[in-house]
Amino acid sequence: MEETKKQLEKLKQALAETERSDQAKSNYMAQVTHNIRIPMNTITGMTEIARMNIDDKEKVAECLDKIDISGQRLVAIINEITDMSELQNRVLELDETPFFLGEMMVQIFSGFAVQIQNKGHHVRIIAKDVVHEQWIADKGRIQQILSNLISNALSYTLPGGNITITVSELHSFQNSYSLFRFEIEDDGIGMSEEFMKDMYQPFARAEDPRISKEQGTGLGLTIALRIVRMMSGDMTVVSEPGVGTKATVTLHIKRQAEQELAERYLSTSLLVVNDQQDEGIEILETLRNSGIAADCISSPARCIEKIQNALMDECPYRCIIIKWKMAEMSGMDLANAIAEQMGTELPGIIFVSNEWDNIYEMEKASAFSDFITRPVTLPKIFFAMNRICPQVIAEKVQNRKISSLAGKRMLVAEDNELNAEMIKELLQQNGVVVEVAENGVRVLDMLAAKEKDYFDCILMDVQMPVMNGYEATKRIRESERIDLQKIPILAMTADAFSEDIKKAKEAGMNAHVAKPFDIIELMEVFMQIFNKI
């Protein structure tokens, strides 16, 4: 009898757990559909209003702007739901590639620039004791963690508030790994002790009339925590109502191997511009002790004259190392003046700083320069110089123009007629010559019928009838024609899980573009492939 009671109790507990699980799934789906319906309602409503006012250009333009914003919001929701599904049901596969700390931070904040400007936030980025800036890790996942936390900070901080992001290298291990800490701190509305008990639950959002208009699904913190844990890291959040919130993430990140002094550096000359003489001289001595020719000046005003004199003496400076914040002239203003005066003779520019409070200038400067932090070491300088050698700089600035794609021939493989029409129109608006194939077999036939190097790129839908994009790509790569073995192929698909991206690469595709895509993002992928930047 006692055993029967125990069994019944277990069955009751299992039933209760199943009911809780079913209720959680129902609540989850209710929240998903709710969040999707809001932007969808705006899109359908604004479309109807635009039709009713088709002759009013200003009204139509206003409707299109709102449709665009709602479309972006819808894509963000879909991406977050996709991430939740992947992190919950699949093993996280890390895509470890080399990248740079400064480059990653610029890319993160470029996505928040408009929001920061509209709300008048003061944002600071601080690097503390970062000796190793060159990392090998899953850049996308680290960006995702930081972006979700920064997005929360921006959303829950009132206009004119302060957000500070601090990156610290806590310890450098002998096994090529370092322990890094990321702190995202704001002086926003904060969270109550009661809400913090459930803050990691999906769709949990603090209710406050001051931020009720802020868009969000309440998945950001949940996603960030799961990724951090899957990367064997740690994450803590402390908050106080009316004071603000501080999120701290620690991760073990692999360092890139330090580069040896390249022989070509010994035949070049560098100029250090730093109004803090002690620091300038220290960098100068570091360079000269390694056999690199270098000069140092403390006055930014003399910089252009010194560069031009070196050019006249046929001993041009290969690179200029500039302090980002100077009393006489900012590093960015000096860099702009150098670029204006030197034109195609523009040398490489490396900014030195451990703090940035104007991300617009930082983003603009990254187009033709690099950032390193103190302590300034030779490996940091070498890495930066390799990335911004002068002959590449001019090409980067020029090739960032979308017009550089004019005349390129692209084969678009897409079985959906409306999608094919949209893609064709968008590409043609940017000067691209487009031909369309409705399935993989048609792709192979069109490639076989064209002469060598006829197409510059293939935009390949993955899910197509007759023959899918994966199989078509494999057959293209197996072709005896050298041009087809090397032609860039971009996967174009609504399948955005990490294993789908991996599958595309294994099939022989060069890159992966998730639907629905942003035309500017697509163009940047094209330019990276064509210009090998």
Protein backbone atom coordinates (compact mmCIF):
# COMPACT_ATOMS: atom_id res chain seq x y z
CA MET A 1 0.00 0.00 0.00
CA GLU A 2 2.82 2.39 0.93
CA GLU A 3 4.56 1.68 -2.37
CA THR A 4 1.34 2.44 -4.25
CA LYS A 5 1.03 5.82 -2.50
CA LYS A 6 4.60 6.68 -3.44
CA GLN A 7 3.92 5.80 -7.08
CA LEU A 8 0.74 7.91 -7.08
CA GLU A 9 2.64 10.84 -5.58
CA LYS A 10 5.31 10.56 -8.28
CA LEU A 11 2.62 10.46 -10.96
CA LYS A 12 0.97 13.56 -9.48
CA GLN A 13 4.32 15.39 -9.46
CA ALA A 14 5.03 14.36 -13.05
CA LEU A 15 1.56 15.48 -14.12
CA ALA A 16 2.00 18.83 -12.35
CA GLU A 17 5.39 19.31 -14.01
CA THR A 18 3.90 18.49 -17.41
CA GLU A 19 1.08 20.97 -16.82
CA ARG A 20 3.59 23.66 -15.78
CA SER A 21 5.66 22.92 -18.88
CA ASP A 22 2.60 23.09 -21.13
CA GLN A 23 1.50 26.35 -19.51
CA ALA A 24 5.02 27.81 -19.96
CA LYS A 25 4.96 26.83 -23.64
CA SER A 26 1.50 28.37 -24.06
CA ASN A 27 2.63 31.59 -22.37
CA TYR A 28 5.76 31.61 -24.54
CA MET A 29 3.78 31.25 -27.77
CA ALA A 30 1.28 33.88 -26.62
CA GLN A 31 4.14 36.33 -26.05
CA VAL A 32 5.74 35.42 -29.39
CA THR A 33 2.55 36.03 -31.36
CA HIS A 34 1.85 39.22 -29.40
CA ASN A 35 5.29 40.65 -30.17
CA ILE A 36 5.02 39.70 -33.85
CA ARG A 37 1.50 41.08 -34.30
CA ILE A 38 2.46 44.59 -33.10
CA PRO A 39 4.91 45.42 -35.95
CA MET A 40 2.84 43.39 -38.43
CA ASN A 41 -0.21 45.51 -37.54
CA THR A 42 1.83 48.66 -38.19
CA ILE A 43 3.05 47.33 -41.54
CA THR A 44 -0.42 46.42 -42.80
CA GLY A 45 -1.95 49.63 -41.44
CA MET A 46 0.70 51.91 -42.91
CA THR A 47 0.46 50.09 -46.25
CA GLU A 48 -3.27 50.82 -46.39
CA ILE A 49 -2.74 54.47 -45.40
CA ALA A 50 -0.09 54.82 -48.13
CA ARG A 51 -2.53 53.44 -50.71
CA MET A 52 -5.21 55.90 -49.58
CA ASN A 53 -2.75 58.80 -49.95
CA ILE A 54 -0.87 57.60 -53.03
CA ASP A 55 -0.68 61.14 -54.50
CA ASP A 56 0.68 62.67 -51.28
CA LYS A 57 4.43 62.02 -51.51
CA GLU A 58 5.17 63.25 -47.98
CA LYS A 59 2.48 61.04 -46.47
CA VAL A 60 3.63 58.01 -48.46
CA ALA A 61 7.25 58.66 -47.44
CA GLU A 62 6.17 58.87 -43.78
CA CYS A 63 4.30 55.57 -44.08
CA LEU A 64 7.30 53.90 -45.74
CA ASP A 65 9.59 55.06 -42.93
CA LYS A 66 7.25 53.53 -40.34
CA ILE A 67 6.97 50.32 -42.36
CA ASP A 68 10.76 50.16 -42.50
CA ILE A 69 11.10 50.63 -38.73
CA SER A 70 8.45 47.98 -38.06
CA GLY A 71 10.10 45.60 -40.52
CA GLN A 72 13.43 45.98 -38.71
CA ARG A 73 11.67 45.36 -35.40
CA LEU A 74 10.06 42.22 -36.82
CA VAL A 75 13.42 40.92 -38.01
CA ALA A 76 14.91 41.58 -34.55
CA ILE A 77 12.09 39.61 -32.90
CA ILE A 78 12.55 36.68 -35.30
CA ASN A 79 16.31 36.70 -34.68
CA GLU A 80 15.80 36.64 -30.90
CA ILE A 81 13.29 33.80 -31.09
CA THR A 82 15.66 31.89 -33.38
CA ASP A 83 18.46 32.40 -30.86
CA MET A 84 16.27 31.19 -28.01
CA SER A 85 15.33 28.04 -29.91
CA GLU A 86 18.91 27.32 -30.89
CA LEU A 87 20.32 27.90 -27.41
CA GLN A 88 17.63 25.80 -25.76
CA ASN A 89 17.52 22.83 -28.11
CA ARG A 90 20.95 22.60 -29.74
CA VAL A 91 24.59 22.39 -28.80
CA LEU A 92 26.25 25.76 -29.31
CA GLU A 93 28.93 25.58 -31.99
CA LEU A 94 31.55 28.31 -31.67
CA ASP A 95 33.02 29.78 -34.83
CA GLU A 96 36.50 30.84 -33.70
CA THR A 97 38.12 33.44 -35.96
CA PRO A 98 40.79 36.14 -35.44
CA PHE A 99 39.54 39.66 -34.73
CA PHE A 100 40.39 42.84 -32.86
CA LEU A 101 38.83 44.38 -29.76
CA GLY A 102 38.56 47.91 -31.20
CA GLU A 103 37.02 46.62 -34.43
CA MET A 104 34.37 44.68 -32.50
CA MET A 105 33.41 47.61 -30.27
CA VAL A 106 33.00 49.94 -33.26
CA GLN A 107 30.75 47.41 -35.00
CA ILE A 108 28.61 46.95 -31.89
CA PHE A 109 28.01 50.64 -31.36
CA SER A 110 27.40 51.46 -35.01
CA GLY A 111 24.09 49.60 -34.61
CA PHE A 112 23.05 51.79 -31.68
CA ALA A 113 24.21 55.15 -33.03
CA VAL A 114 20.76 56.46 -33.96
CA GLN A 115 19.20 55.37 -30.66
CA ILE A 116 22.02 56.99 -28.66
CA GLN A 117 21.69 60.22 -30.64
CA ASN A 118 17.88 60.36 -30.35
CA LYS A 119 17.96 59.86 -26.58
CA GLY A 120 20.96 62.11 -25.99
CA HIS A 121 22.83 59.44 -24.03
CA HIS A 122 26.45 59.93 -23.03
CA VAL A 123 28.27 56.68 -23.80
CA ARG A 124 31.84 55.92 -22.78
CA ILE A 125 34.01 52.95 -23.72
CA ILE A 126 36.97 52.29 -21.40
CA ALA A 127 39.81 49.78 -21.79
CA LYS A 128 41.63 48.91 -18.55
CA ASP A 129 44.94 47.06 -18.55
CA VAL A 130 44.18 45.40 -21.89
CA VAL A 131 47.54 44.00 -22.97
CA HIS A 132 46.16 41.65 -25.63
CA GLU A 133 43.66 43.13 -28.11
CA GLN A 134 44.00 40.48 -30.81
CA TRP A 135 41.65 37.60 -30.05
CA ILE A 136 40.59 34.25 -31.51
CA ALA A 137 36.99 33.57 -30.51
CA ASP A 138 33.40 33.53 -31.71
CA LYS A 139 33.18 37.25 -32.40
CA GLY A 140 29.48 37.04 -33.32
CA ARG A 141 28.53 35.44 -30.00
CA ILE A 142 30.55 37.93 -27.94
CA GLN A 143 28.95 40.77 -29.91
CA GLN A 144 25.55 39.23 -29.24
CA ILE A 145 26.16 39.10 -25.48
CA LEU A 146 27.36 42.70 -25.30
CA SER A 147 24.73 44.01 -27.73
CA ASN A 148 21.89 42.53 -25.67
CA LEU A 149 23.24 44.03 -22.45
CA ILE A 150 23.97 47.41 -24.04
CA SER A 151 20.51 47.45 -25.62
CA ASN A 152 18.97 46.95 -22.16
CA ALA A 153 21.10 49.75 -20.73
CA LEU A 154 20.05 52.15 -23.49
CA SER A 155 16.37 51.21 -23.24
CA TYR A 156 16.12 51.49 -19.46
CA THR A 157 18.12 54.70 -19.13
CA LEU A 158 16.18 57.94 -19.41
CA PRO A 159 17.15 60.55 -22.07
CA GLY A 160 20.46 62.23 -21.34
CA GLY A 161 21.62 59.36 -19.16
CA ASN A 162 25.08 57.79 -18.87
CA ILE A 163 26.23 54.35 -20.02
CA THR A 164 29.79 53.14 -19.46
CA ILE A 165 31.29 49.99 -20.99
CA THR A 166 34.56 48.88 -19.43
CA VAL A 167 36.74 46.10 -20.85
CA SER A 168 39.47 44.76 -18.54
CA GLU A 169 42.10 42.04 -18.93
CA LEU A 170 42.16 40.48 -15.47
CA HIS A 171 44.77 37.79 -16.01
CA SER A 172 46.96 36.45 -18.78
CA PHE A 173 47.51 32.69 -18.66
CA GLN A 174 50.42 30.77 -20.18
CA ASN A 175 48.08 28.61 -22.26
CA SER A 176 47.40 31.48 -24.70
CA TYR A 177 44.17 32.46 -22.93
CA SER A 178 43.31 35.58 -20.95
CA LEU A 179 40.46 36.30 -18.56
CA PHE A 180 38.52 39.36 -19.73
CA ARG A 181 35.79 41.23 -17.90
CA PHE A 182 33.08 43.32 -19.57
CA GLU A 183 31.11 45.76 -17.41
CA ILE A 184 28.02 47.57 -18.75
CA GLU A 185 26.90 50.17 -16.23
CA ASP A 186 24.09 52.74 -16.50
CA ASP A 187 22.39 55.32 -14.28
CA GLY A 188 18.94 54.30 -15.52
CA ILE A 189 15.71 53.43 -13.72
CA GLY A 190 17.15 50.26 -12.19
CA MET A 191 15.27 47.09 -11.24
CA SER A 192 13.36 46.18 -8.13
CA GLU A 193 14.48 43.26 -5.95
CA GLU A 194 11.21 41.49 -6.76
CA PHE A 195 11.68 41.78 -10.55
CA MET A 196 15.30 40.63 -10.37
CA LYS A 197 14.12 37.22 -9.14
CA ASP A 198 12.58 36.62 -12.60
CA MET A 199 14.77 38.84 -14.77
CA TYR A 200 16.33 35.88 -16.61
CA GLN A 201 12.94 34.41 -17.53
CA PRO A 202 11.98 34.73 -21.23
CA PHE A 203 9.88 37.83 -21.99
CA ALA A 204 10.45 39.31 -18.53
CA ARG A 205 10.30 43.12 -18.81
CA ALA A 206 10.24 45.66 -16.02
CA GLU A 207 7.04 47.71 -16.19
CA ASP A 208 7.62 51.44 -15.85
CA PRO A 209 5.60 54.24 -17.51
CA ARG A 210 8.81 56.18 -18.17
CA ILE A 211 10.05 53.54 -20.64
CA SER A 212 6.74 52.09 -21.81
CA LYS A 213 7.39 53.18 -25.41
CA GLU A 214 10.67 51.28 -25.60
CA GLN A 215 10.55 48.32 -27.99
CA GLY A 216 11.70 44.96 -26.68
CA THR A 217 10.77 41.31 -26.27
CA GLY A 218 12.37 40.70 -22.89
CA LEU A 219 14.66 38.02 -24.35
CA GLY A 220 17.96 39.90 -24.34
CA LEU A 221 19.06 39.07 -20.79
CA THR A 222 17.94 35.45 -21.16
CA ILE A 223 19.90 35.00 -24.39
CA ALA A 224 23.01 36.73 -23.02
CA LEU A 225 23.09 34.51 -19.91
CA ARG A 226 22.67 31.28 -21.90
CA ILE A 227 25.45 32.17 -24.35
CA VAL A 228 27.80 33.18 -21.51
CA ARG A 229 27.22 29.87 -19.74
CA MET A 230 27.67 27.87 -22.94
CA MET A 231 31.00 29.67 -23.40
CA SER A 232 31.97 28.61 -19.84
CA GLY A 233 31.82 32.19 -18.64
CA ASP A 234 30.08 33.98 -15.80
CA MET A 235 27.52 36.78 -15.66
CA THR A 236 26.12 38.82 -12.78
CA VAL A 237 23.65 41.71 -12.64
CA VAL A 238 23.24 44.14 -9.77
CA SER A 239 20.63 46.89 -9.78
CA GLU A 240 18.90 49.43 -7.57
CA PRO A 241 15.72 51.35 -8.43
CA GLY A 242 16.47 54.96 -9.27
CA VAL A 243 20.24 54.36 -9.19
CA GLY A 244 20.95 52.13 -12.19
CA THR A 245 22.14 48.70 -13.26
CA LYS A 246 25.52 47.04 -13.73
CA ALA A 247 25.95 43.83 -15.73
CA THR A 248 29.30 42.03 -15.51
CA VAL A 249 30.46 39.28 -17.87
CA THR A 250 33.73 37.35 -17.57
CA LEU A 251 35.04 35.17 -20.41
CA HIS A 252 38.21 33.23 -21.11
CA ILE A 253 39.32 34.35 -24.59
CA LYS A 254 42.15 32.94 -26.67
CA ARG A 255 44.86 35.37 -27.74
CA GLN A 256 46.35 35.59 -31.20
CA ALA A 257 50.03 34.71 -31.34
CA GLU A 258 52.24 37.77 -31.08
CA GLN A 259 53.76 38.74 -34.40
CA GLU A 260 57.48 38.93 -34.86
CA LEU A 261 59.11 42.09 -36.18
CA ALA A 262 58.67 41.96 -39.95
CA GLU A 263 61.71 42.89 -42.06
CA ARG A 264 59.64 45.35 -44.09
CA TYR A 265 59.10 47.51 -40.99
CA LEU A 266 62.83 48.15 -40.75
CA SER A 267 62.77 50.02 -44.07
CA THR A 268 59.86 52.27 -43.12
CA SER A 269 59.44 55.28 -40.89
CA LEU A 270 56.75 56.13 -38.33
CA LEU A 271 55.67 59.41 -36.76
CA VAL A 272 54.33 59.65 -33.19
CA VAL A 273 52.04 62.62 -32.43
CA ASN A 274 51.38 62.99 -28.72
CA ASP A 275 50.99 66.17 -26.63
CA GLN A 276 51.92 64.16 -23.55
CA GLN A 277 55.68 64.17 -24.09
CA ASP A 278 56.56 61.38 -21.67
CA GLU A 279 54.18 58.94 -23.36
CA GLY A 280 55.24 60.03 -26.83
CA ILE A 281 58.91 59.51 -26.05
CA GLU A 282 58.17 56.11 -24.48
CA ILE A 283 56.46 54.94 -27.70
CA LEU A 284 59.29 56.43 -29.75
CA GLU A 285 61.95 54.55 -27.77
CA THR A 286 59.94 51.31 -28.02
CA LEU A 287 60.01 51.62 -31.81
CA ARG A 288 63.64 52.69 -32.13
CA ASN A 289 64.88 49.98 -29.77
CA SER A 290 63.38 47.49 -32.22
CA GLY A 291 65.23 49.04 -35.14
CA ILE A 292 62.24 50.93 -36.58
CA ALA A 293 62.89 54.49 -37.75
CA ALA A 294 60.55 56.87 -35.92
CA ASP A 295 60.11 60.53 -35.00
CA CYS A 296 57.98 62.20 -32.34
CA ILE A 297 56.32 65.62 -32.12
CA SER A 298 54.10 67.07 -29.40
CA SER A 299 52.30 69.66 -31.53
CA PRO A 300 49.50 68.41 -33.84
CA ALA A 301 49.75 71.65 -35.84
CA ARG A 302 53.25 70.69 -37.03
CA CYS A 303 52.19 67.20 -38.08
CA ILE A 304 51.10 67.84 -41.68
CA GLU A 305 54.18 69.95 -42.41
CA LYS A 306 56.44 67.19 -41.08
CA ILE A 307 54.62 64.55 -43.15
CA GLN A 308 54.90 66.63 -46.31
CA ASN A 309 58.62 67.34 -45.71
CA ALA A 310 59.27 63.61 -45.26
CA LEU A 311 57.41 62.95 -48.52
CA MET A 312 59.54 65.56 -50.36
CA ASP A 313 62.68 63.95 -48.97
CA GLU A 314 61.45 60.63 -50.38
CA CYS A 315 61.33 59.15 -46.87
CA PRO A 316 57.57 59.12 -46.32
CA TYR A 317 56.04 58.03 -43.04
CA ARG A 318 54.33 54.68 -43.45
CA CYS A 319 52.21 55.17 -40.35
CA ILE A 320 51.22 57.95 -37.93
CA ILE A 321 50.55 57.02 -34.28
CA ILE A 322 48.21 59.68 -32.87
CA LYS A 323 46.92 60.25 -29.36
CA TRP A 324 43.10 60.28 -29.64
CA LYS A 325 42.52 63.15 -27.18
CA MET A 326 44.82 66.16 -27.35
CA ALA A 327 44.35 69.68 -26.03
CA GLU A 328 45.36 71.54 -29.21
CA MET A 329 43.43 69.36 -31.69
CA SER A 330 41.55 66.09 -31.41
CA GLY A 331 43.09 63.01 -32.99
CA MET A 332 40.11 62.70 -35.35
CA ASP A 333 40.40 66.33 -36.53
CA LEU A 334 44.09 65.80 -37.16
CA ALA A 335 43.42 62.58 -39.09
CA ASN A 336 40.83 64.36 -41.24
CA ALA A 337 43.29 67.17 -41.97
CA ILE A 338 45.97 64.64 -42.94
CA ALA A 339 43.54 62.79 -45.22
CA GLU A 340 42.48 66.06 -46.89
CA GLN A 341 46.04 67.17 -47.52
CA MET A 342 47.63 63.85 -48.48
CA GLY A 343 44.93 62.34 -50.71
CA THR A 344 46.18 59.09 -52.24
CA GLU A 345 49.45 59.46 -50.29
CA LEU A 346 47.55 59.01 -47.02
CA PRO A 347 49.68 57.07 -44.50
CA GLY A 348 48.27 54.53 -42.09
CA ILE A 349 46.85 56.03 -38.90
CA ILE A 350 46.83 54.36 -35.47
CA PHE A 351 44.95 56.05 -32.65
CA VAL A 352 46.04 55.52 -29.03
CA SER A 353 43.39 55.77 -26.34
CA ASN A 354 41.87 53.91 -23.42
CA GLU A 355 38.63 55.85 -23.43
CA TRP A 356 36.16 56.93 -26.11
CA ASP A 357 33.09 59.06 -25.50
CA ASN A 358 32.13 59.89 -29.08
CA ILE A 359 31.27 56.71 -30.94
CA TYR A 360 30.34 58.62 -34.10
CA GLU A 361 33.92 59.79 -34.52
CA MET A 362 35.23 56.36 -33.56
CA GLU A 363 33.07 54.72 -36.25
CA LYS A 364 34.09 57.29 -38.86
CA ALA A 365 37.77 56.92 -38.03
CA SER A 366 37.66 53.14 -38.31
CA ALA A 367 37.16 53.50 -42.09
CA PHE A 368 40.83 54.36 -42.57
CA SER A 369 42.59 53.65 -39.28
CA ASP A 370 42.91 51.40 -36.26
CA PHE A 371 42.74 51.79 -32.48
CA ILE A 372 45.16 50.45 -29.90
CA THR A 373 45.08 50.86 -26.14
CA ARG A 374 47.63 51.49 -23.45
CA PRO A 375 49.96 49.89 -22.63
CA VAL A 376 51.27 50.46 -26.15
CA THR A 377 53.30 47.40 -27.15
CA LEU A 378 55.09 46.38 -30.32
CA PRO A 379 52.70 43.47 -31.02
CA LYS A 380 49.76 45.89 -30.92
CA ILE A 381 51.53 48.26 -33.32
CA PHE A 382 52.50 45.40 -35.67
CA PHE A 383 48.97 44.03 -35.80
CA ALA A 384 47.58 47.48 -36.54
CA MET A 385 50.19 48.23 -39.21
CA ASN A 386 49.46 44.96 -40.99
CA ARG A 387 45.79 45.90 -41.16
CA ILE A 388 46.15 49.45 -42.44
CA CYS A 389 49.12 49.48 -44.82
CA PRO A 390 48.84 52.61 -47.03
CA GLN A 391 48.11 50.94 -50.36
CA VAL A 392 45.08 49.21 -48.81
CA ILE A 393 43.75 52.34 -47.06
CA ALA A 394 42.97 54.24 -50.23
CA GLU A 395 41.27 51.14 -51.67
CA LYS A 396 39.14 50.74 -48.54
CA VAL A 397 37.89 54.31 -48.62
CA GLN A 398 37.10 54.10 -52.34
CA ASN A 399 35.59 50.62 -52.28
CA ARG A 400 33.21 51.44 -49.45
CA LYS A 401 31.11 53.22 -52.06
CA ILE A 402 28.30 51.01 -53.28
CA SER A 403 28.89 52.41 -56.78
CA SER A 404 31.99 50.20 -56.95
CA LEU A 405 29.60 47.29 -57.57
CA ALA A 406 28.27 48.87 -60.76
CA GLY A 407 28.67 46.53 -63.73
CA LYS A 408 29.11 43.37 -61.65
CA ARG A 409 27.17 40.38 -63.01
CA MET A 410 25.29 38.29 -60.46
CA LEU A 411 23.30 35.12 -60.84
CA VAL A 412 20.40 35.04 -58.37
CA ALA A 413 19.00 31.57 -57.60
CA GLU A 414 15.51 32.08 -56.16
CA ASP A 415 12.34 30.04 -56.74
CA ASN A 416 9.92 32.57 -55.22
CA GLU A 417 8.95 35.03 -57.96
CA LEU A 418 8.20 37.94 -55.62
CA ASN A 419 11.50 37.48 -53.76
CA ALA A 420 13.38 37.20 -57.05
CA GLU A 421 11.75 40.38 -58.36
CA MET A 422 12.59 42.28 -55.16
CA ILE A 423 16.22 41.15 -55.08
CA LYS A 424 16.70 41.88 -58.76
CA GLU A 425 15.27 45.38 -58.42
CA LEU A 426 17.39 46.23 -55.35
CA LEU A 427 20.59 45.02 -57.01
CA GLN A 428 19.84 46.76 -60.30
CA GLN A 429 19.27 50.02 -58.42
CA ASN A 430 22.93 49.74 -57.37
CA GLY A 431 24.22 49.13 -60.89
CA VAL A 432 24.41 45.34 -60.71
CA VAL A 433 23.56 43.26 -63.79
CA VAL A 434 21.24 40.44 -62.62
CA GLU A 435 20.08 37.16 -64.14
CA VAL A 436 17.68 34.84 -62.29
CA ALA A 437 17.47 31.04 -62.03
CA GLU A 438 14.48 29.33 -60.40
CA ASN A 439 16.31 26.20 -59.12
CA GLY A 440 19.68 24.53 -58.80
CA VAL A 441 19.47 22.67 -62.12
CA ARG A 442 18.77 25.92 -63.93
CA VAL A 443 21.79 27.47 -62.19
CA LEU A 444 24.08 24.73 -63.51
CA ASP A 445 22.64 25.06 -67.02
CA MET A 446 23.13 28.83 -67.09
CA LEU A 447 26.70 28.58 -65.81
CA ALA A 448 27.54 25.93 -68.42
CA ALA A 449 26.09 28.10 -71.20
CA LYS A 450 28.16 31.18 -70.27
CA GLU A 451 31.78 31.83 -71.09
CA LYS A 452 34.53 31.80 -68.47
CA ASP A 453 34.23 34.45 -65.70
CA TYR A 454 30.87 35.68 -67.04
CA PHE A 455 29.31 35.93 -63.56
CA ASP A 456 31.09 37.70 -60.71
CA CYS A 457 28.97 36.17 -57.94
CA ILE A 458 26.09 33.78 -57.22
CA LEU A 459 23.39 34.62 -54.67
CA MET A 460 22.09 31.14 -53.89
CA ASP A 461 18.77 30.38 -52.19
CA VAL A 462 19.12 27.21 -50.14
CA GLN A 463 15.58 25.81 -50.26
CA MET A 464 14.60 25.34 -53.93
CA PRO A 465 12.68 22.65 -55.85
CA VAL A 466 14.32 20.19 -58.30
CA MET A 467 17.78 20.86 -56.80
CA ASN A 468 18.49 22.81 -53.61
CA GLY A 469 21.26 25.36 -53.13
CA TYR A 470 23.56 23.05 -51.18
CA GLU A 471 23.63 20.41 -53.92
CA ALA A 472 24.01 23.03 -56.66
CA THR A 473 26.95 24.58 -54.83
CA LYS A 474 28.67 21.21 -54.37
CA ARG A 475 28.37 20.50 -58.11
CA ILE A 476 29.70 23.95 -58.99
CA ARG A 477 32.74 23.40 -56.77
CA GLU A 478 33.30 19.98 -58.37
CA SER A 479 33.33 21.52 -61.87
CA GLU A 480 36.44 21.19 -64.01
CA ARG A 481 36.28 24.92 -64.76
CA ILE A 482 38.63 26.90 -62.52
CA ASP A 483 36.40 30.00 -62.58
CA LEU A 484 33.45 28.02 -61.17
CA GLN A 485 35.60 26.46 -58.48
CA LYS A 486 36.48 29.96 -57.26
CA ILE A 487 33.34 32.03 -57.99
CA PRO A 488 31.93 33.62 -54.80
CA ILE A 489 28.66 31.97 -53.70
CA LEU A 490 26.48 33.53 -51.00
CA ALA A 491 23.89 31.41 -49.22
CA MET A 492 20.56 33.23 -49.10
CA THR A 493 18.17 31.54 -46.69
CA ALA A 494 15.67 31.93 -43.89
CA ASP A 495 17.53 29.16 -42.02
CA ALA A 496 19.68 31.16 -39.62
CA PHE A 497 20.84 28.60 -37.04
CA SER A 498 24.59 28.19 -36.55
CA GLU A 499 24.44 24.66 -37.96
CA ASP A 500 22.80 26.07 -41.12
CA ILE A 501 25.67 28.51 -41.52
CA LYS A 502 28.11 25.65 -41.00
CA LYS A 503 26.24 23.55 -43.57
CA ALA A 504 26.50 26.38 -46.12
CA LYS A 505 30.26 26.63 -45.60
CA GLU A 506 30.69 22.87 -45.86
CA ALA A 507 28.84 22.93 -49.18
CA GLY A 508 31.40 25.42 -50.50
CA MET A 509 29.63 28.74 -49.98
CA ASN A 510 31.67 31.82 -49.10
CA ALA A 511 29.16 33.61 -46.87
CA HIS A 512 25.67 33.36 -45.39
CA VAL A 513 22.96 36.03 -45.66
CA ALA A 514 19.79 35.44 -43.64
CA LYS A 515 16.38 36.38 -44.97
CA PRO A 516 14.95 38.94 -44.74
CA PHE A 517 18.18 40.80 -45.45
CA ASP A 518 19.13 44.45 -45.35
CA ILE A 519 20.38 45.72 -48.73
CA ILE A 520 23.19 47.74 -47.13
CA GLU A 521 24.36 44.68 -45.18
CA LEU A 522 24.18 42.60 -48.37
CA MET A 523 26.23 45.18 -50.27
CA GLU A 524 28.87 45.17 -47.53
CA VAL A 525 29.17 41.39 -47.85
CA PHE A 526 29.59 41.78 -51.62
CA MET A 527 32.27 44.43 -51.17
CA GLN A 528 34.18 42.30 -48.67
CA ILE A 529 34.25 39.48 -51.21
CA PHE A 530 35.07 41.58 -54.27
CA ASN A 531 37.61 43.84 -52.59
CA LYS A 532 38.95 41.30 -50.07
CA ILE A 533 38.91 43.86 -47.30
